[in-house]
């Protein structure tokens, strides 16, 4: 089948009530994923290829999948672009203040030697 006719796999997102604390914590336990989340905290929605991370596209796809399946981000396709947004309302509804607490602690962490 020609590449242009292949269907992309469906993006799976958990319902807000199904977001699990341990999945969220696991998703946020990676510096690249934290960069993605910090970027989205400052900017509500962004095309996938525009995040300030230095990883291969396949690795970035993996990071997005971990964040998406944990319920931290929502992704949507628009034409040939995939847009990513932070699910802040869902996260705050489930775990009030958690994301801001984690981001604040991460920002105050001393730089690695």
C-alpha atoms as a PDB file:
ATOM      1  CA  UNK A   1       0.000   0.000   0.000  1.00  0.00           C
ATOM      2  CA  UNK A   2       1.435   3.433  -0.861  1.00  0.00           C
ATOM      3  CA  UNK A   3       2.613   5.495   2.069  1.00  0.00           C
ATOM      4  CA  UNK A   4       0.063   8.218   1.348  1.00  0.00           C
ATOM      5  CA  UNK A   5      -2.786   5.700   1.713  1.00  0.00           C
ATOM      6  CA  UNK A   6      -1.660   4.189   5.029  1.00  0.00           C
ATOM      7  CA  UNK A   7      -3.835   5.077   7.948  1.00  0.00           C
ATOM      8  CA  UNK A   8      -2.177   6.429  11.042  1.00  0.00           C
ATOM      9  CA  UNK A   9      -2.912   4.509  14.169  1.00  0.00           C
ATOM     10  CA  UNK A  10      -5.659   5.959  16.341  1.00  0.00           C
ATOM     11  CA  UNK A  11      -4.503   8.179  19.175  1.00  0.00           C
ATOM     12  CA  UNK A  12      -5.603   6.769  22.512  1.00  0.00           C
ATOM     13  CA  UNK A  13      -6.332   9.051  25.456  1.00  0.00           C
ATOM     14  CA  UNK A  14      -7.638   7.894  28.829  1.00  0.00           C
ATOM     15  CA  UNK A  15     -10.832   9.468  30.133  1.00  0.00           C
ATOM     16  CA  UNK A  16     -10.184  12.053  32.844  1.00  0.00           C
ATOM     17  CA  UNK A  17     -11.592   9.715  35.507  1.00  0.00           C
ATOM     18  CA  UNK A  18      -9.158   6.981  34.425  1.00  0.00           C
ATOM     19  CA  UNK A  19      -5.980   9.046  34.807  1.00  0.00           C
ATOM     20  CA  UNK A  20      -3.777   7.165  37.281  1.00  0.00           C
ATOM     21  CA  UNK A  21      -1.401   8.973  39.645  1.00  0.00           C
ATOM     22  CA  UNK A  22       1.434   6.463  39.211  1.00  0.00           C
ATOM     23  CA  UNK A  23       1.159   6.679  35.413  1.00  0.00           C
ATOM     24  CA  UNK A  24       1.368  10.475  35.588  1.00  0.00           C
ATOM     25  CA  UNK A  25       4.371  10.372  37.923  1.00  0.00           C
ATOM     26  CA  UNK A  26       6.107   7.834  35.666  1.00  0.00           C
ATOM     27  CA  UNK A  27       5.431   9.996  32.604  1.00  0.00           C
ATOM     28  CA  UNK A  28       6.912  13.046  34.333  1.00  0.00           C
ATOM     29  CA  UNK A  29      10.031  11.188  35.519  1.00  0.00           C
ATOM     30  CA  UNK A  30      12.003  11.933  32.355  1.00  0.00           C
ATOM     31  CA  UNK A  31      13.822  15.195  31.502  1.00  0.00           C
ATOM     32  CA  UNK A  32      12.664  15.190  27.861  1.00  0.00           C
ATOM     33  CA  UNK A  33       9.043  14.682  28.863  1.00  0.00           C
ATOM     34  CA  UNK A  34       9.376  17.415  31.494  1.00  0.00           C
ATOM     35  CA  UNK A  35      10.633  19.766  28.774  1.00  0.00           C
ATOM     36  CA  UNK A  36       7.554  18.934  26.708  1.00  0.00           C
ATOM     37  CA  UNK A  37       5.248  19.585  29.678  1.00  0.00           C
ATOM     38  CA  UNK A  38       7.043  22.821  30.657  1.00  0.00           C
ATOM     39  CA  UNK A  39       6.747  24.042  27.071  1.00  0.00           C
ATOM     40  CA  UNK A  40       3.022  23.258  27.013  1.00  0.00           C
ATOM     41  CA  UNK A  41       2.489  24.937  30.376  1.00  0.00           C
ATOM     42  CA  UNK A  42       3.758  28.156  28.794  1.00  0.00           C
ATOM     43  CA  UNK A  43       2.028  27.652  25.437  1.00  0.00           C
ATOM     44  CA  UNK A  44      -1.387  25.940  25.306  1.00  0.00           C
ATOM     45  CA  UNK A  45      -0.977  23.981  22.073  1.00  0.00           C
ATOM     46  CA  UNK A  46       1.946  23.276  19.801  1.00  0.00           C
ATOM     47  CA  UNK A  47       2.763  21.250  16.673  1.00  0.00           C
ATOM     48  CA  UNK A  48       4.701  18.102  17.547  1.00  0.00           C
ATOM     49  CA  UNK A  49       7.889  18.850  15.638  1.00  0.00           C
ATOM     50  CA  UNK A  50       8.450  22.231  17.301  1.00  0.00           C
ATOM     51  CA  UNK A  51       9.410  21.280  20.858  1.00  0.00           C
ATOM     52  CA  UNK A  52      12.859  22.370  22.122  1.00  0.00           C
ATOM     53  CA  UNK A  53      14.235  18.848  22.601  1.00  0.00           C
ATOM     54  CA  UNK A  54      17.280  17.193  21.084  1.00  0.00           C
ATOM     55  CA  UNK A  55      16.049  13.671  20.347  1.00  0.00           C
ATOM     56  CA  UNK A  56      15.343  11.661  17.216  1.00  0.00           C
ATOM     57  CA  UNK A  57      11.799  11.906  15.822  1.00  0.00           C
ATOM     58  CA  UNK A  58      11.099   8.275  16.744  1.00  0.00           C
ATOM     59  CA  UNK A  59      12.209   8.937  20.322  1.00  0.00           C
ATOM     60  CA  UNK A  60      10.037  12.052  20.493  1.00  0.00           C
ATOM     61  CA  UNK A  61       7.081   9.966  19.296  1.00  0.00           C
ATOM     62  CA  UNK A  62       7.742   7.549  22.149  1.00  0.00           C
ATOM     63  CA  UNK A  63       7.783  10.384  24.701  1.00  0.00           C
ATOM     64  CA  UNK A  64       4.506  11.760  23.337  1.00  0.00           C
ATOM     65  CA  UNK A  65       2.936   8.290  23.568  1.00  0.00           C
ATOM     66  CA  UNK A  66       3.977   7.899  27.228  1.00  0.00           C
ATOM     67  CA  UNK A  67       2.576  11.329  28.103  1.00  0.00           C
ATOM     68  CA  UNK A  68      -0.619  10.761  26.082  1.00  0.00           C
ATOM     69  CA  UNK A  69      -1.365   7.316  27.509  1.00  0.00           C
ATOM     70  CA  UNK A  70      -0.778   8.627  31.042  1.00  0.00           C
ATOM     71  CA  UNK A  71      -3.328  11.382  30.426  1.00  0.00           C
ATOM     72  CA  UNK A  72      -0.855  14.263  30.664  1.00  0.00           C
ATOM     73  CA  UNK A  73      -1.305  15.500  27.082  1.00  0.00           C
ATOM     74  CA  UNK A  74      -3.937  15.404  24.377  1.00  0.00           C
ATOM     75  CA  UNK A  75      -2.983  15.106  20.720  1.00  0.00           C
ATOM     76  CA  UNK A  76      -5.077  15.781  17.657  1.00  0.00           C
ATOM     77  CA  UNK A  77      -4.382  15.534  13.968  1.00  0.00           C
ATOM     78  CA  UNK A  78      -5.068  18.449  11.657  1.00  0.00           C
ATOM     79  CA  UNK A  79      -4.130  17.688   8.067  1.00  0.00           C
ATOM     80  CA  UNK A  80      -0.577  16.434   8.070  1.00  0.00           C
ATOM     81  CA  UNK A  81       0.246  17.941  11.476  1.00  0.00           C
ATOM     82  CA  UNK A  82      -0.232  16.562  14.934  1.00  0.00           C
ATOM     83  CA  UNK A  83      -0.953  19.115  17.640  1.00  0.00           C
ATOM     84  CA  UNK A  84      -0.230  18.578  21.320  1.00  0.00           C
ATOM     85  CA  UNK A  85      -1.906  20.218  24.319  1.00  0.00           C
ATOM     86  CA  UNK A  86      -1.540  19.810  28.067  1.00  0.00           C
ATOM     87  CA  UNK A  87      -4.570  18.279  29.823  1.00  0.00           C
ATOM     88  CA  UNK A  88      -4.244  20.703  32.722  1.00  0.00           C
ATOM     89  CA  UNK A  89      -7.964  20.877  33.569  1.00  0.00           C
ATOM     90  CA  UNK A  90      -8.236  17.078  33.639  1.00  0.00           C
ATOM     91  CA  UNK A  91      -5.080  16.724  35.742  1.00  0.00           C
ATOM     92  CA  UNK A  92      -6.133  19.452  38.181  1.00  0.00           C
ATOM     93  CA  UNK A  93      -9.590  17.923  38.426  1.00  0.00           C
ATOM     94  CA  UNK A  94      -8.097  14.551  39.348  1.00  0.00           C
ATOM     95  CA  UNK A  95      -5.062  15.701  41.367  1.00  0.00           C
ATOM     96  CA  UNK A  96      -5.441  19.399  42.312  1.00  0.00           C
ATOM     97  CA  UNK A  97      -2.154  21.299  42.171  1.00  0.00           C
ATOM     98  CA  UNK A  98      -0.055  18.212  41.383  1.00  0.00           C
ATOM     99  CA  UNK A  99       1.342  19.347  38.045  1.00  0.00           C
ATOM    100  CA  UNK A 100       2.223  22.837  39.274  1.00  0.00           C
ATOM    101  CA  UNK A 101       3.899  21.326  42.359  1.00  0.00           C
ATOM    102  CA  UNK A 102       5.982  18.979  40.233  1.00  0.00           C
ATOM    103  CA  UNK A 103       6.894  21.719  37.762  1.00  0.00           C
ATOM    104  CA  UNK A 104       7.851  24.050  40.622  1.00  0.00           C
ATOM    105  CA  UNK A 105      10.040  21.411  42.232  1.00  0.00           C
ATOM    106  CA  UNK A 106      11.645  20.608  38.884  1.00  0.00           C
ATOM    107  CA  UNK A 107      12.413  24.282  38.226  1.00  0.00           C
ATOM    108  CA  UNK A 108      14.060  24.619  41.653  1.00  0.00           C
ATOM    109  CA  UNK A 109      16.152  21.471  41.288  1.00  0.00           C
ATOM    110  CA  UNK A 110      19.888  22.284  41.207  1.00  0.00           C
ATOM    111  CA  UNK A 111      21.550  21.686  37.848  1.00  0.00           C
ATOM    112  CA  UNK A 112      23.387  18.383  37.456  1.00  0.00           C
ATOM    113  CA  UNK A 113      27.196  18.690  37.627  1.00  0.00           C
END
